[in-house]
Protein backbone atom coordinates (compact mmCIF):
# COMPACT_ATOMS: atom_id res chain seq x y z
CA MET A 1 71.53 115.97 116.95
CA ILE A 2 68.74 115.85 119.08
CA LEU A 3 66.41 113.16 118.31
CA ASN A 4 63.39 115.49 117.78
CA ASN A 5 65.19 117.91 115.54
CA HIS A 6 66.00 114.73 113.20
CA PRO A 7 64.50 115.26 109.82
CA MET A 8 62.56 112.20 109.99
CA PHE A 9 61.25 112.10 113.34
CA ALA A 10 57.94 113.83 112.51
CA THR A 11 57.32 110.97 109.91
CA ILE A 12 58.27 108.34 111.99
CA SER A 13 56.23 109.50 115.35
CA SER A 14 53.27 109.08 112.60
CA ILE A 15 53.63 105.67 111.62
CA ASP A 16 50.83 103.13 112.99
CA HIS A 17 49.48 99.69 111.65
CA ASN A 18 48.12 101.33 108.72
CA SER A 19 51.14 102.82 107.29
CA CYS A 20 52.89 99.79 105.88
CA PRO A 21 52.97 98.64 103.12
CA ARG A 22 50.87 101.47 101.16
CA HIS A 23 52.30 104.85 102.73
CA ILE A 24 55.85 104.12 104.43
CA ASN A 25 58.21 101.33 103.82
CA PHE A 26 61.57 101.61 105.96
CA HIS A 27 62.83 98.34 105.36
CA CYS A 28 63.38 96.48 102.00
CA HIS A 29 66.49 95.50 100.07
CA SER A 30 67.90 95.39 96.50
CA THR A 31 70.21 93.31 94.33
CA LEU A 32 73.10 95.12 95.93
CA SER A 33 72.69 93.16 99.05
CA ASP A 34 70.33 90.33 98.88
CA GLY A 35 67.16 91.71 97.13
CA SER A 36 65.53 90.67 93.75
CA MET A 37 64.88 94.27 92.39
CA ASN A 38 67.77 96.31 91.45
CA PRO A 39 67.77 99.98 92.99
CA ILE A 40 65.99 101.95 90.14
CA ASP A 41 63.08 98.90 89.93
CA LEU A 42 62.55 99.60 93.76
CA ILE A 43 62.15 103.41 93.32
CA VAL A 44 60.28 103.12 90.13
CA GLN A 45 57.79 100.74 91.80
CA ALA A 46 57.37 102.62 95.11
CA SER A 47 56.47 105.51 93.04
CA LYS A 48 53.95 103.53 90.76
CA LEU A 49 52.44 102.66 94.32
CA LYS A 50 52.29 106.34 95.39
CA LEU A 51 54.35 105.38 98.54
CA LYS A 52 55.03 108.65 100.72
CA HIS A 53 58.40 107.58 102.35
CA LEU A 54 61.05 105.17 101.36
CA ALA A 55 64.22 103.57 102.60
CA VAL A 56 66.36 100.86 101.12
CA THR A 57 68.07 99.02 103.84
CA ASP A 58 70.71 96.63 102.19
CA HIS A 59 72.78 94.74 104.59
CA HIS A 60 76.18 96.42 105.04
CA ASN A 61 76.01 98.63 101.80
CA ILE A 62 74.48 101.98 101.03
CA ASN A 63 75.01 102.22 97.55
CA ALA A 64 71.67 102.29 96.43
CA TYR A 65 71.15 105.51 98.04
CA ALA A 66 73.63 107.25 95.31
CA ILE A 67 71.96 105.56 92.89
CA ILE A 68 68.27 106.50 93.61
CA SER A 69 69.33 109.57 94.56
CA GLU A 70 70.78 110.56 90.85
CA TRP A 71 67.38 108.92 89.55
CA ILE A 72 65.49 110.92 91.45
CA SER A 73 67.06 114.28 90.36
CA SER A 74 66.32 113.30 86.73
CA ASN A 75 62.76 112.28 86.98
CA GLN A 76 61.21 114.62 89.99
CA ASN A 77 59.37 116.70 87.60
CA THR A 78 57.95 114.03 85.64
CA ILE A 79 56.72 111.59 88.22
CA SER A 80 55.25 111.55 91.66
CA ILE A 81 58.18 110.13 94.05
CA PRO A 82 58.42 109.32 97.49
CA ALA A 83 60.59 111.10 99.89
CA PHE A 84 63.51 108.95 99.98
CA TRP A 85 66.01 108.37 103.00
CA SER A 86 69.17 106.79 103.45
CA GLY A 87 69.10 103.00 104.87
CA ILE A 88 71.04 100.23 106.02
CA GLU A 89 70.70 97.00 107.95
CA ILE A 90 73.36 95.89 110.13
CA SER A 91 74.19 92.21 111.77
CA CYS A 92 75.36 92.76 115.04
CA LEU A 93 75.50 91.10 118.84
CA LEU A 94 73.17 92.13 121.53
CA LYS A 95 73.51 90.00 124.93
CA GLY A 96 75.28 87.47 122.82
CA CYS A 97 72.74 87.12 120.22
CA LEU A 98 72.91 87.87 116.56
CA VAL A 99 70.39 90.53 115.65
CA HIS A 100 69.66 93.10 112.93
CA ILE A 101 69.84 96.86 113.71
CA ILE A 102 68.43 99.34 110.95
CA GLY A 103 69.86 103.08 110.31
CA LEU A 104 67.77 105.51 108.91
CA GLY A 105 68.28 109.18 107.92
CA PHE A 106 71.98 109.23 108.53
CA ASP A 107 74.62 111.15 106.51
CA THR A 108 76.27 108.87 104.00
CA HIS A 109 79.59 110.27 104.18
CA ALA A 110 80.14 109.79 107.73
CA LYS A 111 83.34 108.19 108.79
CA SER A 112 81.72 106.37 111.83
CA LEU A 113 79.85 104.03 109.14
CA LEU A 114 83.11 102.71 107.25
CA PRO A 115 83.13 99.63 109.33
CA TYR A 116 79.87 98.55 108.02
CA ILE A 117 79.56 99.54 104.63
CA THR A 118 82.02 96.99 103.39
CA GLY A 119 79.25 94.48 102.12
CA GLU A 120 80.19 91.97 104.75
CA ALA A 121 79.07 91.65 108.59
CA PRO A 122 81.57 93.66 110.68
CA ARG A 123 83.90 91.88 112.91
CA GLY A 124 85.74 92.38 116.29
CA THR A 125 84.23 95.20 118.77
CA ASP A 126 82.39 96.62 115.69
CA LEU A 127 80.21 93.58 116.01
CA GLN A 128 78.66 94.72 119.05
CA ALA A 129 75.04 96.49 118.81
CA GLU A 130 76.68 99.22 121.37
CA GLN A 131 78.87 100.03 118.66
CA VAL A 132 76.49 100.00 115.89
CA ILE A 133 74.23 102.32 117.61
CA LYS A 134 76.70 104.68 118.52
CA ALA A 135 78.06 104.57 114.90
CA ILE A 136 74.47 105.43 113.66
CA LYS A 137 74.16 108.19 116.10
CA ALA A 138 77.57 109.59 115.14
CA ALA A 139 76.11 109.59 111.42
CA ASN A 140 73.23 111.77 112.60
CA GLY A 141 71.11 108.59 112.01
CA ILE A 142 68.28 107.04 113.90
CA SER A 143 68.72 103.56 115.17
CA ILE A 144 66.05 100.68 114.98
CA LEU A 145 65.85 97.41 116.30
CA ALA A 146 64.46 95.12 113.11
CA HIS A 147 61.98 92.33 113.78
CA PRO A 148 62.50 91.72 117.08
CA ALA A 149 60.53 88.61 117.56
CA ARG A 150 62.60 86.61 115.18
CA TYR A 151 65.55 86.11 117.52
CA ARG A 152 66.49 83.23 119.65
CA LEU A 153 66.43 85.63 122.81
CA ASN A 154 62.76 86.90 124.09
CA PHE A 155 61.73 90.18 122.22
CA GLU A 156 61.29 92.03 125.47
CA ILE A 157 64.27 90.95 126.81
CA LEU A 158 66.15 92.43 123.58
CA ILE A 159 64.12 95.50 123.30
CA LYS A 160 64.93 96.69 126.75
CA GLU A 161 68.60 95.89 126.27
CA ALA A 162 68.72 97.69 122.90
CA LYS A 163 67.37 100.77 124.91
CA SER A 164 69.97 100.58 127.59
CA LEU A 165 72.69 101.24 125.08
CA GLY A 166 70.66 104.11 123.23
CA ILE A 167 68.73 102.69 120.42
CA ASN A 168 66.13 105.20 119.13
CA GLY A 169 63.20 102.64 118.21
CA VAL A 170 62.13 99.42 117.24
CA GLU A 171 60.29 98.05 114.12
CA VAL A 172 57.12 97.30 115.52
CA TRP A 173 54.65 96.37 112.46
CA TYR A 174 56.33 93.32 110.62
CA ASP A 175 54.71 90.33 108.88
CA TYR A 176 56.29 87.29 110.84
CA ASP A 177 54.11 84.79 108.71
CA PHE A 178 55.80 86.04 105.56
CA LEU A 179 52.59 86.01 103.97
CA LYS A 180 52.38 86.62 99.95
CA GLU A 181 51.07 89.94 100.70
CA TRP A 182 52.13 91.95 103.59
CA ARG A 183 50.16 92.28 106.77
CA SER A 184 51.40 92.67 110.03
CA THR A 185 51.26 89.76 112.45
CA THR A 186 48.70 91.31 115.15
CA LEU A 187 49.39 89.30 118.21
CA ILE A 188 53.24 89.73 118.04
CA CYS A 189 53.22 93.24 117.07
CA ASP A 190 50.45 94.65 119.62
CA SER A 191 53.11 92.90 122.39
CA ILE A 192 56.06 94.54 120.65
CA LEU A 193 53.92 97.89 120.13
CA ALA A 194 53.30 98.12 124.18
CA ILE A 195 57.03 97.43 124.95
CA ALA A 196 57.95 100.12 122.80
CA LYS A 197 55.70 102.37 124.35
CA ALA A 198 56.37 101.73 127.65
CA ASN A 199 60.13 102.48 126.82
CA ASN A 200 59.43 105.52 124.77
CA LEU A 201 60.87 104.25 121.75
CA LEU A 202 60.33 105.03 118.26
CA LYS A 203 58.07 102.71 116.07
CA THR A 204 58.64 101.74 112.46
CA CYS A 205 57.48 99.41 109.77
CA GLY A 206 58.66 97.97 106.80
CA THR A 207 58.04 94.94 104.70
CA ASP A 208 61.78 93.33 104.69
CA THR A 209 60.98 93.31 100.71
CA HIS A 210 63.72 90.58 99.12
CA GLY A 211 61.48 89.87 96.19
CA TYR A 212 59.52 91.69 93.22
CA SER A 213 56.80 93.39 95.13
CA LEU A 214 57.27 95.94 97.80
CA LEU A 215 53.58 94.91 98.82
CA GLY A 216 55.35 91.61 100.28
CA ARG A 217 58.47 90.05 101.22
């Protein structure tokens, strides 16, 4: 699939520093990985907050997608519900550094993702970032380097390396201070934004929620 034909392309292209956490959230976790809220709690809260778009990005697990999709089918005529997209967060090695790559808007039945939805981190060649990016692409998804300033290697080095491997975007707006109420860390995020723009990469945001509020981490 050509990237600008992807159903999420227009939405992701519209993301800026005002999008998260009140409008768009493309990084959060449920009890199916290491989050505190079950999938239904997440979508109910997102609906009450009147979010426009949501993706649940559990670690190596996409089971929340089917659970939430079924709930949406039963409740779409009774409540305003965000546009809901498939998501996952995958651990992998990039230049020998352990990083996380988010997949968004992919076919949840794609065989290419089988090594990454076992509930555990991949092994062997599947652990390499290049393989993760290829698997997401083969599933017609969008690949995003998550929170690039949280790793042991400089984020500019990692972003450029990920770009060379075919990654589609970067999680630009992130709360590196882990505040109770989510707020992007301006100095760091502005630097990441400049690098993303220079490398023609998509720019996303998310709260990385593991707790009980989509307005915080």
